[in-house]
Amino acid sequence: MYFAAVYLHFIFILMSTPPNPEEFYNKLKAQLHDTALWPAEYLYKFIVLSDKEKIKQIGVIFNNLGAVIETKESKKGKYTSVSINVTMKNPEAVIEKYKQVAEKVEGVISL
């Protein structure tokens, strides 16, 4: 239940994302500090074209963290959603992973 609240806060932040990425990450960081006791479980959600290499790139970024990774193809198979449930030590670590995925996986959409 608590985890769902953190995720919903993130969705709210994402929907009101300012044009400046650093401003967005600063706002997310503040929300995460206010909504969870760290370390905490965090659910990442990404959408990519159904390309095994892109999905693998995301998995590599979360390698050795004990992450539970689930994938699901869209109805027509064009896109794949990647859900990653992992315990993160603090909001800064959460944000760092978002930045790594955005930098290394072309065309990824973070939810």
N, C-alpha and C. Protein backbone atom coordinates (compact mmCIF):
# COMPACT_ATOMS: atom_id res chain seq x y z
N MET A 1 0.83 -1.19 0.00
CA MET A 1 0.00 0.00 0.00
C MET A 1 0.88 1.25 0.00
N TYR A 2 1.90 1.24 0.86
CA TYR A 2 2.79 2.38 0.95
C TYR A 2 3.53 2.59 -0.37
N PHE A 3 3.97 1.47 -0.95
CA PHE A 3 4.68 1.53 -2.22
C PHE A 3 3.81 2.15 -3.30
N ALA A 4 2.52 1.79 -3.32
CA ALA A 4 1.60 2.33 -4.32
C ALA A 4 1.49 3.84 -4.19
N ALA A 5 1.52 4.34 -2.97
CA ALA A 5 1.44 5.78 -2.75
C ALA A 5 2.65 6.49 -3.34
N VAL A 6 3.83 5.92 -3.17
CA VAL A 6 5.04 6.52 -3.74
C VAL A 6 4.94 6.54 -5.25
N TYR A 7 4.48 5.44 -5.84
CA TYR A 7 4.35 5.37 -7.29
C TYR A 7 3.34 6.40 -7.80
N LEU A 8 2.22 6.53 -7.11
CA LEU A 8 1.21 7.51 -7.53
C LEU A 8 1.74 8.93 -7.43
N HIS A 9 2.55 9.21 -6.42
CA HIS A 9 3.17 10.53 -6.33
C HIS A 9 4.07 10.78 -7.53
N PHE A 10 4.82 9.74 -7.93
CA PHE A 10 5.69 9.89 -9.08
C PHE A 10 4.89 10.17 -10.34
N ILE A 11 3.79 9.46 -10.53
CA ILE A 11 2.94 9.68 -11.71
C ILE A 11 2.45 11.11 -11.73
N PHE A 12 2.04 11.64 -10.56
CA PHE A 12 1.59 13.03 -10.48
C PHE A 12 2.72 13.97 -10.90
N ILE A 13 3.92 13.70 -10.43
CA ILE A 13 5.06 14.55 -10.78
C ILE A 13 5.32 14.46 -12.28
N LEU A 14 5.29 13.25 -12.82
CA LEU A 14 5.55 13.06 -14.24
C LEU A 14 4.55 13.83 -15.09
N MET A 15 3.29 13.83 -14.68
CA MET A 15 2.26 14.51 -15.45
C MET A 15 2.44 16.03 -15.42
N SER A 16 3.10 16.53 -14.39
CA SER A 16 3.31 17.97 -14.29
C SER A 16 4.78 18.32 -14.51
N THR A 17 5.44 17.53 -15.34
CA THR A 17 6.87 17.70 -15.57
C THR A 17 7.19 19.04 -16.20
N PRO A 18 8.07 19.81 -15.56
CA PRO A 18 8.51 21.06 -16.17
C PRO A 18 9.43 20.76 -17.35
N PRO A 19 9.62 21.71 -18.24
CA PRO A 19 10.45 21.46 -19.42
C PRO A 19 11.92 21.21 -19.08
N ASN A 20 12.39 21.66 -17.95
CA ASN A 20 13.78 21.49 -17.55
C ASN A 20 13.94 20.17 -16.79
N PRO A 21 14.74 19.22 -17.32
CA PRO A 21 14.89 17.93 -16.65
C PRO A 21 15.42 18.04 -15.21
N GLU A 22 16.37 18.94 -14.97
CA GLU A 22 16.90 19.07 -13.62
C GLU A 22 15.84 19.56 -12.65
N GLU A 23 14.98 20.43 -13.12
CA GLU A 23 13.88 20.91 -12.29
C GLU A 23 12.94 19.74 -11.97
N PHE A 24 12.68 18.90 -12.97
CA PHE A 24 11.85 17.72 -12.77
C PHE A 24 12.47 16.80 -11.72
N TYR A 25 13.77 16.50 -11.85
CA TYR A 25 14.43 15.60 -10.91
C TYR A 25 14.48 16.19 -9.50
N ASN A 26 14.65 17.48 -9.38
CA ASN A 26 14.65 18.11 -8.06
C ASN A 26 13.28 17.97 -7.40
N LYS A 27 12.23 18.13 -8.19
CA LYS A 27 10.87 18.00 -7.67
C LYS A 27 10.60 16.55 -7.27
N LEU A 28 11.02 15.61 -8.10
CA LEU A 28 10.87 14.19 -7.79
C LEU A 28 11.61 13.84 -6.51
N LYS A 29 12.83 14.32 -6.38
CA LYS A 29 13.64 14.05 -5.20
C LYS A 29 12.93 14.53 -3.93
N ALA A 30 12.38 15.71 -3.97
CA ALA A 30 11.66 16.25 -2.81
C ALA A 30 10.45 15.39 -2.49
N GLN A 31 9.70 14.98 -3.52
CA GLN A 31 8.52 14.13 -3.30
C GLN A 31 8.91 12.79 -2.69
N LEU A 32 9.98 12.20 -3.20
CA LEU A 32 10.42 10.91 -2.68
C LEU A 32 10.87 11.02 -1.23
N HIS A 33 11.56 12.10 -0.88
CA HIS A 33 11.96 12.32 0.51
C HIS A 33 10.73 12.44 1.41
N ASP A 34 9.68 13.07 0.90
CA ASP A 34 8.48 13.32 1.70
C ASP A 34 7.56 12.11 1.81
N THR A 35 7.69 11.13 0.92
CA THR A 35 6.70 10.06 0.87
C THR A 35 7.22 8.68 1.27
N ALA A 36 8.49 8.55 1.58
CA ALA A 36 9.02 7.23 1.92
C ALA A 36 10.11 7.32 2.97
N LEU A 37 10.27 6.22 3.70
CA LEU A 37 11.40 6.08 4.60
C LEU A 37 12.42 5.23 3.86
N TRP A 38 13.64 5.71 3.79
CA TRP A 38 14.67 5.06 2.97
C TRP A 38 15.62 4.27 3.83
N PRO A 39 16.09 3.11 3.31
CA PRO A 39 15.83 2.52 2.00
C PRO A 39 14.38 2.06 1.86
N ALA A 40 13.92 2.02 0.61
CA ALA A 40 12.54 1.64 0.34
C ALA A 40 12.44 0.93 -1.01
N GLU A 41 11.38 0.13 -1.15
CA GLU A 41 11.12 -0.48 -2.45
C GLU A 41 10.60 0.59 -3.39
N TYR A 42 11.01 0.48 -4.64
CA TYR A 42 10.56 1.44 -5.65
C TYR A 42 10.22 0.68 -6.92
N LEU A 43 9.17 1.09 -7.57
CA LEU A 43 8.75 0.46 -8.82
C LEU A 43 9.04 1.40 -9.98
N TYR A 44 9.95 0.98 -10.83
CA TYR A 44 10.24 1.70 -12.07
C TYR A 44 9.36 1.10 -13.16
N LYS A 45 8.90 1.94 -14.07
CA LYS A 45 8.16 1.45 -15.24
C LYS A 45 8.69 2.18 -16.46
N PHE A 46 9.03 1.40 -17.46
CA PHE A 46 9.54 1.94 -18.72
C PHE A 46 8.79 1.30 -19.87
N ILE A 47 8.71 2.02 -20.98
CA ILE A 47 8.16 1.48 -22.21
C ILE A 47 9.19 1.68 -23.30
N VAL A 48 9.45 0.60 -24.05
CA VAL A 48 10.41 0.65 -25.17
C VAL A 48 9.81 -0.11 -26.35
N LEU A 49 10.36 0.16 -27.52
CA LEU A 49 10.01 -0.67 -28.66
C LEU A 49 10.40 -2.11 -28.31
N SER A 50 9.65 -3.07 -28.81
CA SER A 50 9.93 -4.48 -28.51
C SER A 50 11.21 -4.92 -29.20
N ASP A 51 12.31 -4.51 -28.63
CA ASP A 51 13.65 -4.80 -29.13
C ASP A 51 14.41 -5.45 -27.98
N LYS A 52 14.80 -6.70 -28.16
CA LYS A 52 15.46 -7.44 -27.08
C LYS A 52 16.70 -6.71 -26.55
N GLU A 53 17.40 -6.02 -27.41
CA GLU A 53 18.61 -5.31 -26.98
C GLU A 53 18.26 -4.15 -26.04
N LYS A 54 17.21 -3.42 -26.35
CA LYS A 54 16.79 -2.31 -25.48
C LYS A 54 16.34 -2.82 -24.11
N ILE A 55 15.59 -3.91 -24.12
CA ILE A 55 15.13 -4.51 -22.87
C ILE A 55 16.32 -4.99 -22.06
N LYS A 56 17.28 -5.60 -22.73
CA LYS A 56 18.49 -6.07 -22.07
C LYS A 56 19.28 -4.90 -21.46
N GLN A 57 19.37 -3.79 -22.19
CA GLN A 57 20.09 -2.61 -21.68
C GLN A 57 19.49 -2.12 -20.37
N ILE A 58 18.17 -2.12 -20.30
CA ILE A 58 17.51 -1.69 -19.06
C ILE A 58 17.87 -2.67 -17.94
N GLY A 59 17.79 -3.95 -18.21
CA GLY A 59 18.13 -4.96 -17.20
C GLY A 59 19.55 -4.83 -16.67
N VAL A 60 20.48 -4.54 -17.56
CA VAL A 60 21.88 -4.40 -17.16
C VAL A 60 22.06 -3.24 -16.18
N ILE A 61 21.32 -2.17 -16.37
CA ILE A 61 21.42 -1.01 -15.49
C ILE A 61 21.02 -1.37 -14.06
N PHE A 62 20.11 -2.33 -13.91
CA PHE A 62 19.64 -2.74 -12.58
C PHE A 62 20.28 -4.04 -12.11
N ASN A 63 21.30 -4.51 -12.83
CA ASN A 63 22.00 -5.74 -12.49
C ASN A 63 22.64 -5.62 -11.11
N ASN A 64 22.67 -6.71 -10.38
CA ASN A 64 23.30 -6.81 -9.06
C ASN A 64 22.61 -5.98 -7.98
N LEU A 65 21.35 -5.60 -8.19
CA LEU A 65 20.61 -4.87 -7.16
C LEU A 65 19.50 -5.72 -6.56
N GLY A 66 19.37 -6.95 -6.99
CA GLY A 66 18.30 -7.81 -6.50
C GLY A 66 16.94 -7.40 -7.06
N ALA A 67 16.94 -6.77 -8.21
CA ALA A 67 15.71 -6.27 -8.82
C ALA A 67 14.88 -7.42 -9.39
N VAL A 68 13.57 -7.26 -9.27
CA VAL A 68 12.63 -8.18 -9.91
C VAL A 68 12.14 -7.45 -11.16
N ILE A 69 12.44 -8.03 -12.32
CA ILE A 69 12.12 -7.40 -13.59
C ILE A 69 11.05 -8.21 -14.31
N GLU A 70 9.99 -7.51 -14.70
CA GLU A 70 8.91 -8.14 -15.46
C GLU A 70 8.69 -7.37 -16.75
N THR A 71 8.43 -8.10 -17.82
CA THR A 71 8.15 -7.46 -19.10
C THR A 71 6.80 -7.93 -19.61
N LYS A 72 6.18 -7.06 -20.40
CA LYS A 72 4.90 -7.41 -21.01
C LYS A 72 4.79 -6.69 -22.34
N GLU A 73 4.58 -7.48 -23.39
CA GLU A 73 4.42 -6.89 -24.72
C GLU A 73 3.03 -6.30 -24.88
N SER A 74 2.96 -5.25 -25.70
CA SER A 74 1.67 -4.64 -26.01
C SER A 74 0.85 -5.63 -26.85
N LYS A 75 -0.41 -5.33 -27.00
CA LYS A 75 -1.33 -6.21 -27.72
C LYS A 75 -0.81 -6.56 -29.12
N LYS A 76 -0.29 -5.57 -29.83
CA LYS A 76 0.21 -5.81 -31.19
C LYS A 76 1.70 -6.17 -31.21
N GLY A 77 2.35 -6.17 -30.05
CA GLY A 77 3.74 -6.58 -29.98
C GLY A 77 4.75 -5.53 -30.36
N LYS A 78 4.32 -4.32 -30.61
CA LYS A 78 5.24 -3.27 -31.04
C LYS A 78 6.05 -2.70 -29.87
N TYR A 79 5.42 -2.65 -28.69
CA TYR A 79 6.08 -2.08 -27.51
C TYR A 79 6.13 -3.10 -26.38
N THR A 80 7.07 -2.91 -25.49
CA THR A 80 7.18 -3.74 -24.30
C THR A 80 7.28 -2.84 -23.08
N SER A 81 6.49 -3.16 -22.06
CA SER A 81 6.63 -2.44 -20.79
C SER A 81 7.58 -3.24 -19.91
N VAL A 82 8.43 -2.53 -19.23
CA VAL A 82 9.41 -3.15 -18.34
C VAL A 82 9.16 -2.59 -16.95
N SER A 83 8.78 -3.45 -16.02
CA SER A 83 8.55 -3.06 -14.64
C SER A 83 9.67 -3.62 -13.79
N ILE A 84 10.24 -2.76 -12.96
CA ILE A 84 11.37 -3.17 -12.13
C ILE A 84 11.07 -2.79 -10.68
N ASN A 85 11.00 -3.80 -9.84
CA ASN A 85 10.78 -3.59 -8.42
C ASN A 85 12.10 -3.84 -7.71
N VAL A 86 12.59 -2.83 -7.02
CA VAL A 86 13.91 -2.93 -6.41
C VAL A 86 13.98 -2.04 -5.17
N THR A 87 14.75 -2.47 -4.20
CA THR A 87 14.97 -1.65 -3.01
C THR A 87 16.09 -0.66 -3.32
N MET A 88 15.79 0.61 -3.14
CA MET A 88 16.77 1.68 -3.39
C MET A 88 17.13 2.33 -2.06
N LYS A 89 18.37 2.80 -1.96
CA LYS A 89 18.83 3.32 -0.66
C LYS A 89 18.34 4.73 -0.36
N ASN A 90 18.08 5.54 -1.41
CA ASN A 90 17.62 6.90 -1.17
C ASN A 90 17.08 7.49 -2.48
N PRO A 91 16.43 8.65 -2.41
CA PRO A 91 15.89 9.27 -3.63
C PRO A 91 16.94 9.58 -4.68
N GLU A 92 18.14 9.91 -4.24
CA GLU A 92 19.21 10.20 -5.20
C GLU A 92 19.53 8.98 -6.04
N ALA A 93 19.52 7.80 -5.42
CA ALA A 93 19.78 6.55 -6.15
C ALA A 93 18.66 6.26 -7.14
N VAL A 94 17.42 6.56 -6.76
CA VAL A 94 16.28 6.38 -7.66
C VAL A 94 16.47 7.23 -8.91
N ILE A 95 16.78 8.48 -8.69
CA ILE A 95 16.95 9.43 -9.80
C ILE A 95 18.13 9.06 -10.68
N GLU A 96 19.21 8.60 -10.08
CA GLU A 96 20.38 8.20 -10.85
C GLU A 96 20.04 7.09 -11.84
N LYS A 97 19.21 6.14 -11.42
CA LYS A 97 18.82 5.05 -12.32
C LYS A 97 17.95 5.58 -13.48
N TYR A 98 17.05 6.50 -13.19
CA TYR A 98 16.26 7.11 -14.27
C TYR A 98 17.18 7.78 -15.29
N LYS A 99 18.17 8.49 -14.80
CA LYS A 99 19.10 9.19 -15.70
C LYS A 99 19.91 8.20 -16.52
N GLN A 100 20.35 7.12 -15.90
CA GLN A 100 21.13 6.11 -16.62
C GLN A 100 20.31 5.47 -17.73
N VAL A 101 19.07 5.14 -17.43
CA VAL A 101 18.21 4.52 -18.45
C VAL A 101 17.97 5.50 -19.59
N ALA A 102 17.66 6.76 -19.26
CA ALA A 102 17.40 7.76 -20.30
C ALA A 102 18.62 7.97 -21.18
N GLU A 103 19.80 7.91 -20.59
CA GLU A 103 21.04 8.14 -21.33
C GLU A 103 21.42 6.96 -22.21
N LYS A 104 21.16 5.73 -21.74
CA LYS A 104 21.67 4.55 -22.43
C LYS A 104 20.68 3.83 -23.32
N VAL A 105 19.38 4.09 -23.14
CA VAL A 105 18.37 3.37 -23.91
C VAL A 105 17.60 4.35 -24.78
N GLU A 106 17.91 4.35 -26.05
CA GLU A 106 17.30 5.28 -26.99
C GLU A 106 15.79 5.04 -27.10
N GLY A 107 15.02 6.12 -27.01
CA GLY A 107 13.59 6.06 -27.20
C GLY A 107 12.79 5.55 -26.02
N VAL A 108 13.43 5.36 -24.88
CA VAL A 108 12.71 4.85 -23.71
C VAL A 108 11.75 5.91 -23.17
N ILE A 109 10.60 5.45 -22.68
CA ILE A 109 9.64 6.32 -22.02
C ILE A 109 9.60 5.88 -20.57
N SER A 110 9.83 6.80 -19.66
CA SER A 110 9.77 6.51 -18.23
C SER A 110 8.41 6.91 -17.72
N LEU A 111 7.78 6.00 -16.99
CA LEU A 111 6.47 6.29 -16.41
C LEU A 111 6.59 6.46 -14.91
